N, C-alpha and C. Protein backbone atom coordinates (compact mmCIF):
# COMPACT_ATOMS: atom_id res chain seq x y z
N MET A 1 -8.77 -35.89 -45.29
CA MET A 1 -9.99 -36.00 -46.22
C MET A 1 -10.72 -37.30 -45.92
N MET A 2 -12.04 -37.23 -46.14
CA MET A 2 -12.91 -38.38 -46.16
C MET A 2 -13.03 -39.02 -44.77
N THR A 3 -12.75 -38.30 -43.66
CA THR A 3 -12.89 -38.82 -42.38
C THR A 3 -14.00 -38.07 -41.54
N ALA A 4 -14.49 -36.97 -42.06
CA ALA A 4 -15.47 -36.12 -41.33
C ALA A 4 -14.94 -35.70 -39.97
N ASP A 5 -13.61 -35.54 -39.88
CA ASP A 5 -12.97 -35.15 -38.65
C ASP A 5 -11.86 -34.17 -39.01
N SER A 6 -11.32 -33.52 -38.02
CA SER A 6 -10.13 -32.61 -38.26
C SER A 6 -9.06 -32.96 -37.22
N ASP A 7 -8.13 -33.75 -37.62
CA ASP A 7 -7.05 -34.31 -36.77
C ASP A 7 -5.73 -34.06 -37.47
N ASN A 8 -4.92 -33.21 -36.87
CA ASN A 8 -3.60 -32.83 -37.43
C ASN A 8 -2.50 -33.55 -36.64
N ASN A 9 -1.53 -34.14 -37.40
CA ASN A 9 -0.51 -34.90 -36.82
C ASN A 9 0.47 -34.11 -35.94
N VAL A 10 0.46 -32.77 -36.14
CA VAL A 10 1.37 -31.92 -35.40
C VAL A 10 0.59 -31.29 -34.22
N TYR A 11 -0.65 -30.73 -34.45
CA TYR A 11 -1.33 -29.99 -33.45
C TYR A 11 -2.43 -30.79 -32.75
N GLY A 12 -2.78 -31.98 -33.28
CA GLY A 12 -3.79 -32.76 -32.60
C GLY A 12 -5.17 -32.53 -33.26
N ARG A 13 -6.17 -33.05 -32.49
CA ARG A 13 -7.57 -32.96 -33.00
C ARG A 13 -8.19 -31.67 -32.67
N THR A 14 -9.00 -31.13 -33.55
CA THR A 14 -9.87 -29.99 -33.31
C THR A 14 -11.07 -30.43 -32.57
N LEU A 15 -11.36 -29.83 -31.41
CA LEU A 15 -12.49 -30.25 -30.57
C LEU A 15 -13.69 -29.38 -30.83
N ASN A 16 -14.87 -29.94 -30.57
CA ASN A 16 -16.16 -29.22 -30.70
C ASN A 16 -16.20 -28.11 -29.64
N PRO A 17 -16.36 -26.82 -29.95
CA PRO A 17 -16.37 -25.82 -28.96
C PRO A 17 -17.60 -25.88 -28.00
N ASN A 18 -18.63 -26.53 -28.43
CA ASN A 18 -19.82 -26.67 -27.56
C ASN A 18 -19.71 -27.82 -26.60
N ASN A 19 -18.90 -28.82 -26.95
CA ASN A 19 -18.69 -29.96 -26.09
C ASN A 19 -17.39 -30.67 -26.61
N THR A 20 -16.38 -30.53 -25.79
CA THR A 20 -15.02 -30.99 -26.16
C THR A 20 -14.91 -32.51 -26.19
N THR A 21 -15.93 -33.19 -25.82
CA THR A 21 -15.86 -34.68 -26.02
C THR A 21 -16.39 -35.08 -27.40
N LEU A 22 -16.82 -34.12 -28.16
CA LEU A 22 -17.38 -34.44 -29.55
C LEU A 22 -16.44 -33.84 -30.58
N THR A 23 -16.60 -34.38 -31.81
CA THR A 23 -15.78 -33.83 -32.94
C THR A 23 -16.32 -32.49 -33.42
N ALA A 24 -15.46 -31.67 -34.01
CA ALA A 24 -15.89 -30.46 -34.66
C ALA A 24 -16.27 -30.76 -36.12
N GLY A 25 -16.19 -32.01 -36.50
CA GLY A 25 -16.43 -32.35 -37.92
C GLY A 25 -15.25 -32.08 -38.82
N GLY A 26 -15.45 -32.36 -40.06
CA GLY A 26 -14.33 -32.18 -41.02
C GLY A 26 -14.83 -32.20 -42.43
N SER A 27 -13.98 -31.78 -43.34
CA SER A 27 -12.57 -31.55 -43.02
C SER A 27 -12.34 -30.04 -42.68
N THR A 28 -13.33 -29.18 -42.75
CA THR A 28 -13.12 -27.73 -42.41
C THR A 28 -13.58 -27.52 -40.99
N GLY A 29 -13.15 -28.48 -40.06
CA GLY A 29 -13.60 -28.42 -38.66
C GLY A 29 -12.97 -27.26 -37.92
N GLY A 30 -11.79 -26.90 -38.24
CA GLY A 30 -11.12 -25.73 -37.55
C GLY A 30 -11.91 -24.49 -37.78
N GLU A 31 -12.28 -24.23 -39.03
CA GLU A 31 -13.06 -23.07 -39.27
C GLU A 31 -14.45 -23.10 -38.68
N GLY A 32 -15.04 -24.25 -38.64
CA GLY A 32 -16.35 -24.44 -38.01
C GLY A 32 -16.30 -24.09 -36.53
N ALA A 33 -15.19 -24.59 -35.86
CA ALA A 33 -15.04 -24.37 -34.42
C ALA A 33 -14.76 -22.86 -34.15
N LEU A 34 -13.90 -22.31 -34.99
CA LEU A 34 -13.53 -20.89 -34.80
C LEU A 34 -14.76 -19.96 -34.95
N VAL A 35 -15.54 -20.21 -35.96
CA VAL A 35 -16.75 -19.32 -36.18
C VAL A 35 -17.75 -19.58 -35.09
N ALA A 36 -17.90 -20.78 -34.62
CA ALA A 36 -18.80 -21.06 -33.50
C ALA A 36 -18.38 -20.35 -32.22
N LEU A 37 -17.08 -20.18 -32.01
CA LEU A 37 -16.55 -19.49 -30.88
C LEU A 37 -16.56 -18.01 -31.01
N ARG A 38 -16.98 -17.54 -32.22
CA ARG A 38 -16.99 -16.07 -32.54
C ARG A 38 -15.53 -15.51 -32.63
N GLY A 39 -14.57 -16.50 -32.84
CA GLY A 39 -13.23 -16.06 -33.14
C GLY A 39 -13.06 -15.51 -34.53
N SER A 40 -14.05 -15.74 -35.43
CA SER A 40 -14.02 -15.28 -36.76
C SER A 40 -15.49 -15.03 -37.16
N ILE A 41 -15.69 -14.00 -37.91
CA ILE A 41 -17.06 -13.70 -38.29
C ILE A 41 -17.52 -14.47 -39.47
N LEU A 42 -16.56 -14.97 -40.27
CA LEU A 42 -16.91 -15.71 -41.42
C LEU A 42 -15.62 -16.42 -41.95
N GLY A 43 -15.79 -17.65 -42.37
CA GLY A 43 -14.68 -18.36 -42.95
C GLY A 43 -15.08 -19.07 -44.30
N VAL A 44 -14.07 -19.43 -45.02
CA VAL A 44 -14.29 -20.05 -46.33
C VAL A 44 -13.79 -21.51 -46.19
N GLY A 45 -14.73 -22.49 -46.39
CA GLY A 45 -14.33 -23.87 -46.38
C GLY A 45 -14.34 -24.43 -47.77
N THR A 46 -13.90 -25.66 -47.88
CA THR A 46 -13.93 -26.38 -49.12
C THR A 46 -14.68 -27.70 -48.88
N ASP A 47 -15.40 -28.15 -49.89
CA ASP A 47 -16.36 -29.25 -49.79
C ASP A 47 -16.49 -30.10 -51.00
N ILE A 48 -16.39 -31.41 -50.84
CA ILE A 48 -16.71 -32.35 -51.88
C ILE A 48 -17.88 -33.15 -51.39
N ALA A 49 -17.72 -33.80 -50.23
CA ALA A 49 -18.74 -34.72 -49.72
C ALA A 49 -19.27 -34.26 -48.36
N GLY A 50 -19.05 -32.95 -48.01
CA GLY A 50 -19.60 -32.52 -46.73
C GLY A 50 -18.69 -31.71 -45.87
N SER A 51 -17.54 -31.37 -46.35
CA SER A 51 -16.55 -30.72 -45.54
C SER A 51 -16.78 -29.28 -45.12
N ILE A 52 -17.85 -28.63 -45.68
CA ILE A 52 -18.46 -27.42 -45.14
C ILE A 52 -19.63 -27.74 -44.33
N ARG A 53 -20.49 -28.66 -44.84
CA ARG A 53 -21.75 -28.94 -44.22
C ARG A 53 -21.63 -29.68 -42.96
N ILE A 54 -20.71 -30.61 -42.82
CA ILE A 54 -20.54 -31.45 -41.60
C ILE A 54 -20.04 -30.61 -40.47
N PRO A 55 -18.98 -29.75 -40.57
CA PRO A 55 -18.57 -28.95 -39.46
C PRO A 55 -19.70 -27.92 -39.04
N SER A 56 -20.45 -27.46 -40.03
CA SER A 56 -21.53 -26.54 -39.65
C SER A 56 -22.59 -27.25 -38.88
N SER A 57 -22.89 -28.51 -39.20
CA SER A 57 -23.88 -29.26 -38.44
C SER A 57 -23.34 -29.57 -37.07
N CYS A 58 -22.09 -29.95 -36.97
CA CYS A 58 -21.47 -30.32 -35.70
C CYS A 58 -21.34 -29.14 -34.73
N CYS A 59 -21.02 -27.99 -35.28
CA CYS A 59 -20.61 -26.85 -34.42
C CYS A 59 -21.80 -25.86 -34.25
N GLY A 60 -22.84 -26.10 -35.00
CA GLY A 60 -23.98 -25.16 -34.86
C GLY A 60 -23.81 -23.86 -35.52
N THR A 61 -23.14 -23.85 -36.74
CA THR A 61 -23.03 -22.64 -37.54
C THR A 61 -23.78 -22.91 -38.82
N TYR A 62 -23.69 -21.90 -39.65
CA TYR A 62 -24.36 -21.96 -40.98
C TYR A 62 -23.26 -22.23 -42.06
N GLY A 63 -23.54 -23.09 -42.92
CA GLY A 63 -22.58 -23.38 -43.99
C GLY A 63 -23.30 -23.54 -45.29
N PHE A 64 -22.70 -23.18 -46.43
CA PHE A 64 -23.32 -23.32 -47.73
C PHE A 64 -22.26 -23.75 -48.76
N LYS A 65 -22.65 -24.91 -49.40
CA LYS A 65 -21.77 -25.44 -50.46
C LYS A 65 -22.34 -24.97 -51.82
N PRO A 66 -21.70 -23.99 -52.47
CA PRO A 66 -22.19 -23.63 -53.83
C PRO A 66 -21.86 -24.71 -54.83
N SER A 67 -22.35 -24.54 -56.02
CA SER A 67 -21.94 -25.36 -57.10
C SER A 67 -20.44 -25.22 -57.33
N SER A 68 -19.79 -26.24 -57.86
CA SER A 68 -18.35 -26.12 -58.13
C SER A 68 -18.08 -25.08 -59.19
N GLN A 69 -16.98 -24.45 -59.07
CA GLN A 69 -16.49 -23.45 -59.99
C GLN A 69 -17.30 -22.13 -59.98
N ARG A 70 -17.89 -21.90 -58.83
CA ARG A 70 -18.59 -20.61 -58.63
C ARG A 70 -17.74 -19.64 -57.83
N ILE A 71 -17.12 -20.14 -56.77
CA ILE A 71 -16.27 -19.40 -55.88
C ILE A 71 -14.77 -19.63 -56.28
N PRO A 72 -13.94 -18.61 -56.33
CA PRO A 72 -12.58 -18.82 -56.72
C PRO A 72 -11.84 -19.96 -55.92
N PHE A 73 -11.14 -20.76 -56.58
CA PHE A 73 -10.45 -21.93 -55.96
C PHE A 73 -8.97 -21.99 -56.33
N ALA A 74 -8.46 -20.98 -57.04
CA ALA A 74 -7.13 -21.04 -57.53
C ALA A 74 -6.08 -21.15 -56.38
N GLU A 75 -5.05 -21.98 -56.60
CA GLU A 75 -3.90 -22.12 -55.64
C GLU A 75 -4.28 -22.86 -54.40
N GLN A 76 -5.47 -23.50 -54.35
CA GLN A 76 -5.86 -24.34 -53.23
C GLN A 76 -5.52 -25.77 -53.58
N ARG A 77 -5.37 -26.60 -52.58
CA ARG A 77 -5.07 -28.00 -52.87
C ARG A 77 -6.27 -28.78 -53.34
N ASP A 78 -6.11 -29.47 -54.52
CA ASP A 78 -7.20 -30.34 -55.04
C ASP A 78 -6.81 -31.76 -54.76
N GLN A 79 -7.80 -32.71 -54.76
CA GLN A 79 -7.50 -34.07 -54.48
C GLN A 79 -6.97 -34.84 -55.74
N VAL A 80 -7.01 -34.23 -56.90
CA VAL A 80 -6.49 -34.85 -58.09
C VAL A 80 -5.66 -33.82 -58.86
N PRO A 81 -4.62 -34.28 -59.59
CA PRO A 81 -3.82 -33.39 -60.41
C PRO A 81 -4.68 -32.70 -61.50
N ASP A 82 -4.16 -31.57 -61.94
CA ASP A 82 -4.89 -30.80 -63.02
C ASP A 82 -4.96 -31.66 -64.24
N GLY A 83 -6.17 -31.67 -64.83
CA GLY A 83 -6.38 -32.38 -66.09
C GLY A 83 -6.86 -33.82 -65.89
N MET A 84 -6.86 -34.30 -64.61
CA MET A 84 -7.36 -35.65 -64.35
C MET A 84 -8.84 -35.59 -64.01
N PRO A 85 -9.63 -36.67 -64.33
CA PRO A 85 -11.04 -36.66 -63.94
C PRO A 85 -11.19 -36.85 -62.44
N GLY A 86 -12.29 -36.40 -61.97
CA GLY A 86 -12.54 -36.55 -60.51
C GLY A 86 -13.78 -35.75 -60.11
N ILE A 87 -14.02 -35.72 -58.82
CA ILE A 87 -15.14 -34.97 -58.30
C ILE A 87 -14.64 -33.60 -57.91
N ALA A 88 -15.22 -32.57 -58.53
CA ALA A 88 -14.66 -31.17 -58.33
C ALA A 88 -15.04 -30.66 -56.92
N PRO A 89 -14.08 -30.14 -56.15
CA PRO A 89 -14.43 -29.50 -54.93
C PRO A 89 -15.08 -28.14 -55.08
N SER A 90 -15.67 -27.67 -54.06
CA SER A 90 -16.34 -26.38 -54.09
C SER A 90 -15.96 -25.63 -52.85
N ALA A 91 -15.68 -24.30 -53.05
CA ALA A 91 -15.42 -23.33 -51.88
C ALA A 91 -16.71 -22.67 -51.57
N GLY A 92 -16.93 -22.44 -50.21
CA GLY A 92 -18.13 -21.76 -49.76
C GLY A 92 -17.99 -21.30 -48.39
N PRO A 93 -18.94 -20.48 -47.94
CA PRO A 93 -18.87 -19.78 -46.61
C PRO A 93 -19.34 -20.65 -45.37
N ILE A 94 -18.67 -20.40 -44.28
CA ILE A 94 -19.14 -20.91 -42.98
C ILE A 94 -19.32 -19.66 -42.18
N ALA A 95 -20.51 -19.41 -41.56
CA ALA A 95 -20.74 -18.16 -40.84
C ALA A 95 -21.78 -18.38 -39.74
N THR A 96 -22.08 -17.34 -39.04
CA THR A 96 -23.02 -17.42 -37.90
C THR A 96 -24.48 -17.15 -38.33
N SER A 97 -24.72 -16.82 -39.61
CA SER A 97 -26.07 -16.65 -40.07
C SER A 97 -26.10 -16.93 -41.54
N MET A 98 -27.30 -17.26 -42.05
CA MET A 98 -27.47 -17.45 -43.49
C MET A 98 -27.32 -16.12 -44.21
N ARG A 99 -27.67 -15.05 -43.50
CA ARG A 99 -27.54 -13.72 -44.13
C ARG A 99 -26.12 -13.38 -44.45
N ALA A 100 -25.17 -13.83 -43.52
CA ALA A 100 -23.77 -13.62 -43.80
C ALA A 100 -23.31 -14.41 -44.91
N CYS A 101 -23.75 -15.63 -45.02
CA CYS A 101 -23.45 -16.57 -46.17
C CYS A 101 -23.84 -15.92 -47.48
N GLN A 102 -25.04 -15.39 -47.51
CA GLN A 102 -25.56 -14.79 -48.75
C GLN A 102 -24.78 -13.52 -49.06
N PHE A 103 -24.43 -12.70 -48.06
CA PHE A 103 -23.62 -11.45 -48.26
C PHE A 103 -22.33 -11.83 -48.84
N PHE A 104 -21.69 -12.93 -48.37
CA PHE A 104 -20.39 -13.31 -48.91
C PHE A 104 -20.48 -13.68 -50.35
N LEU A 105 -21.44 -14.51 -50.72
CA LEU A 105 -21.64 -14.96 -52.13
C LEU A 105 -21.91 -13.81 -52.99
N LYS A 106 -22.79 -12.89 -52.58
CA LYS A 106 -23.12 -11.71 -53.38
C LYS A 106 -21.88 -10.81 -53.62
N THR A 107 -21.09 -10.65 -52.56
CA THR A 107 -19.92 -9.76 -52.65
C THR A 107 -18.91 -10.35 -53.59
N VAL A 108 -18.60 -11.66 -53.45
CA VAL A 108 -17.59 -12.28 -54.27
C VAL A 108 -18.02 -12.39 -55.70
N LEU A 109 -19.25 -12.76 -56.01
CA LEU A 109 -19.69 -12.97 -57.34
C LEU A 109 -19.92 -11.70 -58.13
N GLU A 110 -20.32 -10.61 -57.39
CA GLU A 110 -20.42 -9.30 -58.07
C GLU A 110 -19.07 -8.66 -58.32
N ALA A 111 -18.00 -9.23 -57.78
CA ALA A 111 -16.66 -8.73 -58.12
C ALA A 111 -16.15 -9.36 -59.42
N LYS A 112 -16.97 -10.22 -60.11
CA LYS A 112 -16.63 -10.84 -61.32
C LYS A 112 -15.33 -11.66 -61.27
N PRO A 113 -15.27 -12.70 -60.40
CA PRO A 113 -14.03 -13.41 -60.13
C PRO A 113 -13.49 -14.18 -61.37
N SER A 114 -14.36 -14.43 -62.33
CA SER A 114 -13.91 -15.10 -63.56
C SER A 114 -12.85 -14.32 -64.33
N GLN A 115 -12.84 -13.02 -64.05
CA GLN A 115 -11.81 -12.20 -64.76
C GLN A 115 -10.40 -12.36 -64.17
N PHE A 116 -10.36 -12.93 -63.00
CA PHE A 116 -9.06 -13.07 -62.33
C PHE A 116 -8.67 -14.54 -62.03
N ASP A 117 -9.60 -15.45 -62.15
CA ASP A 117 -9.41 -16.86 -61.85
C ASP A 117 -10.11 -17.67 -62.92
N ASP A 118 -9.31 -18.45 -63.76
CA ASP A 118 -9.93 -19.15 -64.86
C ASP A 118 -10.64 -20.43 -64.34
N SER A 119 -10.59 -20.71 -63.09
CA SER A 119 -11.33 -21.86 -62.58
C SER A 119 -12.80 -21.50 -62.28
N VAL A 120 -13.18 -20.26 -62.42
CA VAL A 120 -14.55 -19.77 -62.01
C VAL A 120 -15.31 -19.68 -63.30
N LEU A 121 -16.54 -20.21 -63.25
CA LEU A 121 -17.43 -20.03 -64.42
C LEU A 121 -17.97 -18.55 -64.47
N ARG A 122 -18.16 -18.08 -65.70
CA ARG A 122 -18.63 -16.71 -65.92
C ARG A 122 -20.13 -16.65 -65.78
N ILE A 123 -20.67 -16.76 -64.56
CA ILE A 123 -22.12 -16.73 -64.33
C ILE A 123 -22.36 -15.56 -63.27
N PRO A 124 -23.07 -14.58 -63.68
CA PRO A 124 -23.28 -13.44 -62.73
C PRO A 124 -24.17 -13.80 -61.52
N TYR A 125 -23.98 -13.14 -60.42
CA TYR A 125 -24.84 -13.35 -59.28
C TYR A 125 -26.25 -12.92 -59.51
N GLN A 126 -27.16 -13.70 -59.10
CA GLN A 126 -28.57 -13.36 -59.27
C GLN A 126 -29.37 -14.03 -58.14
N HIS A 127 -29.87 -13.20 -57.25
CA HIS A 127 -30.70 -13.79 -56.17
C HIS A 127 -31.93 -14.30 -56.77
N ILE A 128 -32.30 -15.53 -56.35
CA ILE A 128 -33.46 -16.23 -57.03
C ILE A 128 -34.73 -15.41 -56.84
N PHE A 129 -34.91 -14.67 -55.68
CA PHE A 129 -36.21 -14.04 -55.49
C PHE A 129 -36.21 -12.61 -56.12
N ASP A 130 -35.09 -12.24 -56.78
CA ASP A 130 -35.12 -10.91 -57.49
C ASP A 130 -35.98 -11.00 -58.73
N THR A 131 -36.06 -12.19 -59.41
CA THR A 131 -36.84 -12.38 -60.64
C THR A 131 -37.83 -13.48 -60.55
N PHE A 132 -37.72 -14.34 -59.53
CA PHE A 132 -38.57 -15.54 -59.48
C PHE A 132 -39.31 -15.63 -58.19
N GLN A 133 -40.60 -15.34 -58.20
CA GLN A 133 -41.38 -15.34 -57.02
C GLN A 133 -42.68 -16.10 -57.25
N PRO A 134 -42.59 -17.44 -57.34
CA PRO A 134 -43.80 -18.21 -57.54
C PRO A 134 -44.58 -18.35 -56.27
N GLU A 135 -45.90 -18.42 -56.38
CA GLU A 135 -46.73 -18.58 -55.20
C GLU A 135 -46.67 -20.01 -54.67
N ARG A 136 -46.39 -20.99 -55.57
CA ARG A 136 -46.37 -22.39 -55.17
C ARG A 136 -45.19 -23.09 -55.81
N LEU A 137 -44.32 -23.61 -54.99
CA LEU A 137 -43.15 -24.33 -55.38
C LEU A 137 -43.41 -25.85 -55.30
N ARG A 138 -42.70 -26.58 -56.18
CA ARG A 138 -42.71 -28.06 -56.11
C ARG A 138 -41.33 -28.40 -55.58
N ILE A 139 -41.26 -29.02 -54.40
CA ILE A 139 -39.93 -29.29 -53.76
C ILE A 139 -39.79 -30.78 -53.51
N GLY A 140 -38.71 -31.33 -53.99
CA GLY A 140 -38.36 -32.74 -53.81
C GLY A 140 -37.71 -32.88 -52.46
N ILE A 141 -38.11 -33.94 -51.74
CA ILE A 141 -37.54 -34.22 -50.40
C ILE A 141 -37.02 -35.68 -50.38
N ILE A 142 -35.75 -35.84 -49.91
CA ILE A 142 -35.21 -37.16 -49.70
C ILE A 142 -35.04 -37.32 -48.15
N GLN A 143 -35.86 -38.19 -47.58
CA GLN A 143 -35.79 -38.36 -46.13
C GLN A 143 -34.86 -39.55 -45.68
N ASP A 144 -34.59 -40.46 -46.65
CA ASP A 144 -33.77 -41.63 -46.26
C ASP A 144 -33.16 -42.08 -47.63
N ASP A 145 -31.88 -42.32 -47.69
CA ASP A 145 -31.26 -42.73 -48.94
C ASP A 145 -31.28 -44.21 -49.14
N GLY A 146 -31.87 -44.98 -48.23
CA GLY A 146 -31.95 -46.39 -48.38
C GLY A 146 -30.77 -47.17 -47.91
N LEU A 147 -29.70 -46.43 -47.48
CA LEU A 147 -28.47 -47.05 -46.95
C LEU A 147 -28.19 -46.62 -45.59
N TYR A 148 -28.21 -45.38 -45.34
CA TYR A 148 -28.02 -44.82 -44.02
C TYR A 148 -29.24 -44.01 -43.58
N THR A 149 -29.77 -44.28 -42.34
CA THR A 149 -30.86 -43.57 -41.81
C THR A 149 -30.42 -42.34 -41.13
N PRO A 150 -31.02 -41.22 -41.37
CA PRO A 150 -30.56 -39.94 -40.71
C PRO A 150 -30.81 -40.03 -39.21
N THR A 151 -29.98 -39.26 -38.47
CA THR A 151 -30.13 -39.25 -37.00
C THR A 151 -31.40 -38.60 -36.65
N PRO A 152 -31.96 -38.83 -35.41
CA PRO A 152 -33.21 -38.24 -34.97
C PRO A 152 -33.30 -36.78 -35.14
N PRO A 153 -32.31 -35.92 -34.75
CA PRO A 153 -32.38 -34.48 -34.93
C PRO A 153 -32.53 -34.14 -36.42
N ILE A 154 -31.87 -34.83 -37.36
CA ILE A 154 -32.00 -34.51 -38.79
C ILE A 154 -33.42 -34.90 -39.27
N ARG A 155 -33.92 -36.01 -38.81
CA ARG A 155 -35.26 -36.44 -39.18
C ARG A 155 -36.31 -35.48 -38.68
N ARG A 156 -36.15 -34.98 -37.46
CA ARG A 156 -37.07 -34.02 -36.87
C ARG A 156 -36.95 -32.69 -37.67
N GLY A 157 -35.77 -32.29 -38.01
CA GLY A 157 -35.65 -31.03 -38.77
C GLY A 157 -36.29 -31.15 -40.20
N LEU A 158 -36.17 -32.31 -40.83
CA LEU A 158 -36.83 -32.51 -42.11
C LEU A 158 -38.34 -32.52 -41.97
N HIS A 159 -38.80 -33.18 -40.89
CA HIS A 159 -40.31 -33.23 -40.70
C HIS A 159 -40.82 -31.84 -40.48
N GLU A 160 -40.16 -31.05 -39.65
CA GLU A 160 -40.63 -29.71 -39.35
C GLU A 160 -40.63 -28.85 -40.58
N SER A 161 -39.58 -28.98 -41.41
CA SER A 161 -39.48 -28.21 -42.66
C SER A 161 -40.60 -28.59 -43.61
N ILE A 162 -40.83 -29.90 -43.74
CA ILE A 162 -41.96 -30.30 -44.63
C ILE A 162 -43.26 -29.78 -44.20
N GLN A 163 -43.54 -29.83 -42.88
CA GLN A 163 -44.84 -29.27 -42.37
C GLN A 163 -44.96 -27.83 -42.60
N LYS A 164 -43.91 -27.05 -42.47
CA LYS A 164 -43.99 -25.59 -42.65
C LYS A 164 -44.09 -25.26 -44.14
N LEU A 165 -43.46 -26.03 -44.96
CA LEU A 165 -43.53 -25.74 -46.46
C LEU A 165 -44.95 -26.16 -46.92
N LYS A 166 -45.51 -27.15 -46.45
CA LYS A 166 -46.90 -27.56 -46.79
C LYS A 166 -47.87 -26.51 -46.27
N ALA A 167 -47.65 -25.99 -45.05
CA ALA A 167 -48.55 -24.98 -44.52
C ALA A 167 -48.49 -23.73 -45.35
N ALA A 168 -47.35 -23.45 -46.01
CA ALA A 168 -47.21 -22.25 -46.80
C ALA A 168 -47.75 -22.44 -48.21
N GLY A 169 -48.26 -23.65 -48.50
CA GLY A 169 -48.90 -23.90 -49.74
C GLY A 169 -48.09 -24.58 -50.81
N HIS A 170 -46.86 -24.97 -50.40
CA HIS A 170 -45.97 -25.57 -51.43
C HIS A 170 -46.23 -27.10 -51.52
N GLU A 171 -45.97 -27.69 -52.69
CA GLU A 171 -46.14 -29.07 -52.95
C GLU A 171 -44.84 -29.88 -52.61
N ILE A 172 -44.95 -30.87 -51.81
CA ILE A 172 -43.80 -31.73 -51.43
C ILE A 172 -43.81 -33.02 -52.16
N ILE A 173 -42.74 -33.36 -52.87
CA ILE A 173 -42.61 -34.53 -53.70
C ILE A 173 -41.59 -35.47 -53.10
N PRO A 174 -41.94 -36.63 -52.54
CA PRO A 174 -40.98 -37.59 -51.99
C PRO A 174 -40.10 -38.12 -53.14
N ILE A 175 -38.78 -38.19 -52.91
CA ILE A 175 -37.85 -38.74 -53.89
C ILE A 175 -37.16 -39.91 -53.31
N LYS A 176 -37.17 -41.04 -54.06
CA LYS A 176 -36.47 -42.23 -53.73
C LYS A 176 -35.22 -42.36 -54.63
N LEU A 177 -34.07 -42.46 -53.98
CA LEU A 177 -32.81 -42.47 -54.73
C LEU A 177 -32.61 -43.84 -55.38
N PRO A 178 -31.86 -43.93 -56.44
CA PRO A 178 -31.46 -45.25 -57.04
C PRO A 178 -30.46 -45.91 -56.15
N ASN A 179 -29.76 -46.95 -56.64
CA ASN A 179 -28.86 -47.73 -55.88
C ASN A 179 -27.69 -46.89 -55.29
N VAL A 180 -27.86 -46.46 -54.02
CA VAL A 180 -26.83 -45.57 -53.42
C VAL A 180 -25.47 -46.32 -53.21
N LEU A 181 -25.53 -47.53 -52.89
CA LEU A 181 -24.28 -48.27 -52.63
C LEU A 181 -23.44 -48.37 -53.91
N GLN A 182 -24.10 -48.62 -55.01
CA GLN A 182 -23.38 -48.70 -56.31
C GLN A 182 -22.80 -47.32 -56.68
N ASN A 183 -23.52 -46.28 -56.45
CA ASN A 183 -22.97 -44.95 -56.72
C ASN A 183 -21.83 -44.56 -55.82
N MET A 184 -21.96 -45.01 -54.54
CA MET A 184 -20.85 -44.79 -53.63
C MET A 184 -19.58 -45.46 -54.06
N HIS A 185 -19.74 -46.67 -54.66
CA HIS A 185 -18.55 -47.39 -55.19
C HIS A 185 -17.86 -46.62 -56.27
N LEU A 186 -18.65 -46.04 -57.11
CA LEU A 186 -18.11 -45.17 -58.22
C LEU A 186 -17.41 -43.95 -57.63
N THR A 187 -18.03 -43.43 -56.68
CA THR A 187 -17.39 -42.21 -56.00
C THR A 187 -16.02 -42.54 -55.38
N TRP A 188 -15.97 -43.68 -54.68
CA TRP A 188 -14.71 -44.07 -54.02
C TRP A 188 -13.69 -44.41 -55.11
N ASP A 189 -14.10 -44.92 -56.22
CA ASP A 189 -13.12 -45.18 -57.32
C ASP A 189 -12.39 -43.88 -57.70
N PHE A 190 -13.07 -42.76 -57.68
CA PHE A 190 -12.40 -41.46 -57.98
C PHE A 190 -11.41 -41.13 -56.86
N PHE A 191 -11.70 -41.50 -55.58
CA PHE A 191 -10.88 -41.05 -54.44
C PHE A 191 -9.69 -41.92 -54.20
N SER A 192 -9.65 -43.13 -54.71
CA SER A 192 -8.59 -44.07 -54.29
C SER A 192 -7.71 -44.44 -55.42
N LEU A 193 -6.43 -44.74 -55.10
CA LEU A 193 -5.38 -45.12 -56.03
C LEU A 193 -5.59 -46.49 -56.63
N ASP A 194 -6.15 -47.42 -55.77
CA ASP A 194 -6.32 -48.79 -56.18
C ASP A 194 -7.69 -49.11 -56.77
N GLY A 195 -8.37 -48.10 -57.23
CA GLY A 195 -9.71 -48.26 -57.82
C GLY A 195 -10.76 -48.86 -56.76
N CYS A 196 -10.46 -48.46 -55.52
CA CYS A 196 -11.44 -48.80 -54.50
C CYS A 196 -11.52 -50.31 -54.14
N GLU A 197 -10.43 -51.02 -54.39
CA GLU A 197 -10.45 -52.47 -54.20
C GLU A 197 -10.53 -52.79 -52.67
N VAL A 198 -9.99 -51.96 -51.86
CA VAL A 198 -9.88 -52.24 -50.42
C VAL A 198 -11.08 -51.61 -49.65
N ILE A 199 -11.15 -50.26 -49.75
CA ILE A 199 -12.10 -49.53 -48.91
C ILE A 199 -13.53 -49.88 -49.26
N CYS A 200 -13.85 -50.06 -50.53
CA CYS A 200 -15.25 -50.37 -50.89
C CYS A 200 -15.61 -51.74 -50.46
N PHE A 201 -14.66 -52.69 -50.41
CA PHE A 201 -14.96 -53.99 -49.94
C PHE A 201 -15.37 -53.93 -48.45
N LYS A 202 -14.62 -53.07 -47.69
CA LYS A 202 -14.92 -52.88 -46.26
C LYS A 202 -16.27 -52.26 -46.11
N ILE A 203 -16.63 -51.22 -46.93
CA ILE A 203 -17.93 -50.61 -46.83
C ILE A 203 -19.09 -51.59 -47.04
N ILE A 204 -18.91 -52.44 -48.12
CA ILE A 204 -19.90 -53.38 -48.44
C ILE A 204 -20.03 -54.45 -47.31
N SER A 205 -18.87 -54.83 -46.74
CA SER A 205 -18.94 -55.84 -45.63
C SER A 205 -19.57 -55.25 -44.39
N ASP A 206 -19.23 -54.02 -44.08
CA ASP A 206 -19.87 -53.43 -42.90
C ASP A 206 -21.37 -53.19 -43.10
N THR A 207 -21.81 -52.90 -44.33
CA THR A 207 -23.16 -52.66 -44.60
C THR A 207 -24.03 -53.87 -44.53
N TYR A 208 -23.43 -54.95 -44.97
CA TYR A 208 -24.23 -56.23 -45.04
C TYR A 208 -23.71 -57.27 -44.04
């Protein structure tokens, strides 16, 4: 957890199927690599801070992190004991297309999983465009969090998306985040036994 990599003490590191000198990402890197190799048509990953999204980005697949408590999570390992406060993980699909991710979500949610798993909220599946078709959307965009600058491919993808959305008539609203470093410290408090006394000091030292 929290390494953005997939390295097992028994089997070793999962390598990127497109370039074995690169990481497959983590922590659902094995699923990302397997789907990218077409060894699986779809997998289910778990995500708190990017464990579905990072492997998808690294391996060239599609991944979607739903809101927590939407997809069944029973009997999977959580980072905190039951009843303790923390950041809730989320289960979601990794696949070769967004259509496959959508099909997975539709199939699972229409099966009414809340009847079988009390960790799932009782919210029915509803595709946004079934009832909501505005001609003009207002879309908030965060291009830089003020702490880490996105890589050139990510910046290029954001720029292209913004231009296409504007060309389609939608309104783009730049969003500036509050103090990201302070919020990161709070997040690490949840993840660490010592209240983040060690690792957050290192993050702050490396940043400044």
